[in-house]
Amino acid sequence: MPAKKDPRVDRYIAEAEPFARPVLQHLRKLVHQACPEAEEALKWSSPFFMYRGKILCYMAAFKAHLAFGFWGPAMKKIIAADGHAKDGLGLLGRITSRADLPSDKVLLGYIRTARKLHDAGLSVRPKPKAKPALPVPADLAAALKRSKKAAAAWADFSPSARREYTEWITEAKRPETREARLLTTIEWTAEGKQRNWKYMNC
């Protein structure tokens, strides 16, 4: 079965720091070797590997290191039990070269185990408990009243989407920052955009 590759991942690897490129290529090869059904995608601006519609694993490159990890708590426990879990994004810590990775045999085993966990329905992250709704700040409520379009979109937003805007506004340290965020909130809300809309379709 030919690997289901995404040209965006090709570009991502080509644009990564020189030290990261061969490691990313190697990890990519191992994922497709261990899970031929894996499909590539770009989420949150990083390469992800999907298996039967769900996230199997991911990798991300930074200026001085890269990360590789699996989705869900089950793999975290397995890797920790093996002694390979490290602090940092991903489950294998800060990777600067192939020397920082477990052996290919171990990595292939992890990927195959993750695939089996997916097949058994054990790889999904637990759903976080819903947070209580936040009261709408007076200045935001007043601004929404002045924009029927924004008010209508706000009413259609999920509680979490409204919370993101509310927290963004109330966390402003200076009055001018709060005012700027308030204006942006009304503008984006009127367009039906959630707080992090720029990253939602990555």
Protein backbone atom coordinates (compact mmCIF):
# COMPACT_ATOMS: atom_id res chain seq x y z
CA MET A 1 0.00 0.00 0.00
CA PRO A 2 1.56 3.33 -1.02
CA ALA A 3 2.02 5.82 1.82
CA LYS A 4 -0.72 8.44 1.98
CA LYS A 5 1.45 11.54 2.07
CA ASP A 6 0.46 15.19 2.17
CA PRO A 7 2.53 17.70 0.15
CA ARG A 8 2.12 20.18 3.00
CA VAL A 9 4.19 17.86 5.17
CA ASP A 10 6.86 17.80 2.46
CA ARG A 11 6.98 21.61 2.64
CA TYR A 12 6.99 21.56 6.43
CA ILE A 13 10.04 19.29 6.50
CA ALA A 14 11.82 21.26 3.77
CA GLU A 15 11.33 24.50 5.75
CA ALA A 16 12.45 23.00 9.08
CA GLU A 17 15.89 23.67 10.55
CA PRO A 18 18.64 21.56 8.87
CA PHE A 19 19.18 19.40 11.98
CA ALA A 20 15.48 18.52 12.09
CA ARG A 21 14.91 17.47 8.48
CA PRO A 22 16.51 14.00 8.55
CA VAL A 23 14.86 13.20 11.89
CA LEU A 24 11.44 14.26 10.63
CA GLN A 25 11.93 12.20 7.48
CA HIS A 26 12.95 9.19 9.55
CA LEU A 27 9.96 9.46 11.89
CA ARG A 28 7.66 9.86 8.90
CA LYS A 29 9.10 6.72 7.32
CA LEU A 30 8.66 4.72 10.53
CA VAL A 31 5.02 5.77 10.94
CA HIS A 32 4.12 4.63 7.42
CA GLN A 33 6.11 1.44 7.89
CA ALA A 34 4.35 0.50 11.11
CA CYS A 35 0.93 1.75 10.05
CA PRO A 36 0.48 1.66 6.26
CA GLU A 37 -3.07 3.00 6.62
CA ALA A 38 -1.85 6.22 8.25
CA GLU A 39 -2.80 9.41 6.41
CA GLU A 40 -0.90 12.65 6.77
CA ALA A 41 -2.49 15.96 7.70
CA LEU A 42 -1.45 19.37 8.96
CA LYS A 43 -3.11 20.44 12.21
CA TRP A 44 -2.16 23.39 14.39
CA SER A 45 0.54 24.02 11.77
CA SER A 46 2.31 20.71 12.49
CA PRO A 47 2.32 17.27 10.80
CA PHE A 48 -0.16 14.76 12.20
CA PHE A 49 -0.73 11.15 11.22
CA MET A 50 -4.37 10.05 11.09
CA TYR A 51 -5.58 6.47 11.39
CA ARG A 52 -9.18 5.68 10.52
CA GLY A 53 -10.21 9.27 11.08
CA LYS A 54 -8.46 9.74 14.43
CA ILE A 55 -5.08 11.14 15.42
CA LEU A 56 -2.44 8.43 15.78
CA CYS A 57 0.70 10.50 16.38
CA TYR A 58 2.32 13.80 15.50
CA MET A 59 5.64 15.58 15.15
CA ALA A 60 6.67 19.22 15.41
CA ALA A 61 9.92 21.05 14.67
CA PHE A 62 11.23 24.08 16.52
CA LYS A 63 14.37 26.21 16.34
CA ALA A 64 16.60 23.95 18.41
CA HIS A 65 14.65 20.72 18.87
CA LEU A 66 11.67 18.73 17.67
CA ALA A 67 8.97 16.62 19.28
CA PHE A 68 7.18 13.37 18.53
CA GLY A 69 4.20 12.05 20.41
CA PHE A 70 1.06 9.94 20.47
CA TRP A 71 -2.55 10.86 21.12
CA GLY A 72 -4.27 9.80 24.31
CA PRO A 73 -3.25 8.76 27.83
CA ALA A 74 -2.72 5.06 27.12
CA MET A 75 0.50 5.53 25.13
CA LYS A 76 1.83 7.96 27.71
CA LYS A 77 1.59 5.25 30.38
CA ILE A 78 3.24 2.67 28.14
CA ILE A 79 6.16 4.91 27.20
CA ALA A 80 6.60 6.03 30.81
CA ALA A 81 6.66 2.40 31.96
CA ASP A 82 9.44 1.72 29.43
CA GLY A 83 11.49 4.60 30.79
CA HIS A 84 11.46 6.53 27.50
CA ALA A 85 9.06 9.30 28.56
CA LYS A 86 10.67 12.72 29.03
CA ASP A 87 9.50 16.23 29.83
CA GLY A 88 8.52 18.52 26.97
CA LEU A 89 6.05 18.60 24.12
CA GLY A 90 5.43 15.09 22.88
CA LEU A 91 6.27 12.00 24.88
CA LEU A 92 9.94 11.62 24.02
CA GLY A 93 11.21 14.99 25.22
CA ARG A 94 13.40 17.43 23.28
CA ILE A 95 14.80 15.66 20.23
CA THR A 96 17.83 17.20 18.53
CA SER A 97 19.06 14.19 16.54
CA ARG A 98 18.25 10.53 15.91
CA ALA A 99 20.49 9.72 18.86
CA ASP A 100 17.80 11.15 21.15
CA LEU A 101 15.23 8.66 19.85
CA PRO A 102 14.63 5.12 21.08
CA SER A 103 15.72 2.42 18.62
CA ASP A 104 13.74 1.90 15.43
CA LYS A 105 12.50 -1.40 16.84
CA VAL A 106 11.09 0.36 19.90
CA LEU A 107 9.53 3.18 17.88
CA LEU A 108 7.93 0.76 15.43
CA GLY A 109 6.55 -1.14 18.40
CA TYR A 110 5.07 2.05 19.88
CA ILE A 111 3.39 2.98 16.59
CA ARG A 112 1.93 -0.51 16.18
CA THR A 113 0.72 -0.46 19.77
CA ALA A 114 -0.93 2.93 19.22
CA ARG A 115 -2.68 1.49 16.17
CA LYS A 116 -3.97 -1.45 18.21
CA LEU A 117 -5.21 0.90 20.93
CA HIS A 118 -7.09 2.85 18.28
CA ASP A 119 -8.67 -0.34 16.99
CA ALA A 120 -9.72 -1.20 20.55
CA GLY A 121 -11.14 2.30 21.12
CA LEU A 122 -8.67 3.08 23.91
CA SER A 123 -6.75 5.97 22.38
CA VAL A 124 -9.23 8.81 22.72
CA ARG A 125 -8.40 11.53 25.20
CA PRO A 126 -10.93 11.84 28.03
CA LYS A 127 -13.33 14.74 27.58
CA PRO A 128 -12.60 17.61 29.95
CA LYS A 129 -15.34 18.61 32.35
CA ALA A 130 -17.40 21.52 31.11
CA LYS A 131 -16.53 24.80 32.82
CA PRO A 132 -19.31 26.96 34.24
CA ALA A 133 -20.36 29.88 32.07
CA LEU A 134 -18.66 33.21 32.75
CA PRO A 135 -20.76 36.35 33.20
CA VAL A 136 -20.50 38.71 30.24
CA PRO A 137 -18.54 41.85 31.23
CA ALA A 138 -20.59 45.04 31.21
CA ASP A 139 -18.52 46.69 28.48
CA LEU A 140 -18.81 43.62 26.24
CA ALA A 141 -22.56 43.37 26.85
CA ALA A 142 -22.96 47.04 25.93
CA ALA A 143 -20.88 46.61 22.76
CA LEU A 144 -22.93 43.58 21.71
CA LYS A 145 -26.13 45.60 22.10
CA ARG A 146 -24.75 48.13 19.64
CA SER A 147 -24.13 45.45 17.00
CA LYS A 148 -27.08 43.25 16.09
CA LYS A 149 -24.90 41.09 13.87
CA ALA A 150 -22.35 40.48 16.62
CA ALA A 151 -25.10 39.87 19.19
CA ALA A 152 -26.74 37.25 16.97
CA ALA A 153 -23.44 35.46 16.36
CA TRP A 154 -22.59 35.62 20.07
CA ALA A 155 -25.90 33.93 20.90
CA ASP A 156 -25.02 31.10 18.48
CA PHE A 157 -21.52 30.59 19.92
CA SER A 158 -20.90 27.61 22.19
CA PRO A 159 -20.26 28.36 25.88
CA SER A 160 -16.55 27.60 25.37
CA ALA A 161 -16.32 30.04 22.44
CA ARG A 162 -17.93 32.80 24.53
CA ARG A 163 -15.62 31.95 27.43
CA GLU A 164 -12.50 32.37 25.25
CA TYR A 165 -13.50 35.90 24.27
CA THR A 166 -14.57 36.81 27.80
CA GLU A 167 -11.31 35.60 29.34
CA TRP A 168 -9.29 37.36 26.63
CA ILE A 169 -10.97 40.67 27.44
CA THR A 170 -10.92 40.39 31.22
CA GLU A 171 -7.27 39.29 31.32
CA ALA A 172 -6.11 42.54 29.69
CA LYS A 173 -3.75 44.41 32.04
CA ARG A 174 -4.24 47.93 30.69
CA PRO A 175 -7.46 49.81 29.79
CA GLU A 176 -6.25 50.49 26.24
CA THR A 177 -5.48 46.79 25.74
CA ARG A 178 -8.93 45.86 26.99
CA GLU A 179 -10.55 48.38 24.66
CA ALA A 180 -8.58 47.07 21.67
CA ARG A 181 -9.56 43.47 22.50
CA LEU A 182 -13.17 44.51 22.93
CA LEU A 183 -13.25 46.12 19.48
CA THR A 184 -11.60 43.07 17.92
CA THR A 185 -14.07 40.79 19.68
CA ILE A 186 -17.04 42.65 18.24
CA GLU A 187 -15.46 42.72 14.76
CA TRP A 188 -14.65 39.00 14.71
CA THR A 189 -17.89 37.97 16.37
CA ALA A 190 -19.91 39.92 13.79
CA GLU A 191 -18.09 37.86 11.15
CA GLY A 192 -18.94 34.64 12.99
CA LYS A 193 -15.31 34.04 13.93
CA GLN A 194 -14.31 32.42 17.20
CA ARG A 195 -11.38 33.71 19.25
CA ASN A 196 -8.82 31.32 17.70
CA TRP A 197 -10.36 31.18 14.23
CA LYS A 198 -6.95 31.59 12.56
CA TYR A 199 -5.89 28.16 13.78
CA MET A 200 -9.14 26.23 13.49
CA ASN A 201 -8.71 24.92 9.93
CA CYS A 202 -5.00 24.21 9.96
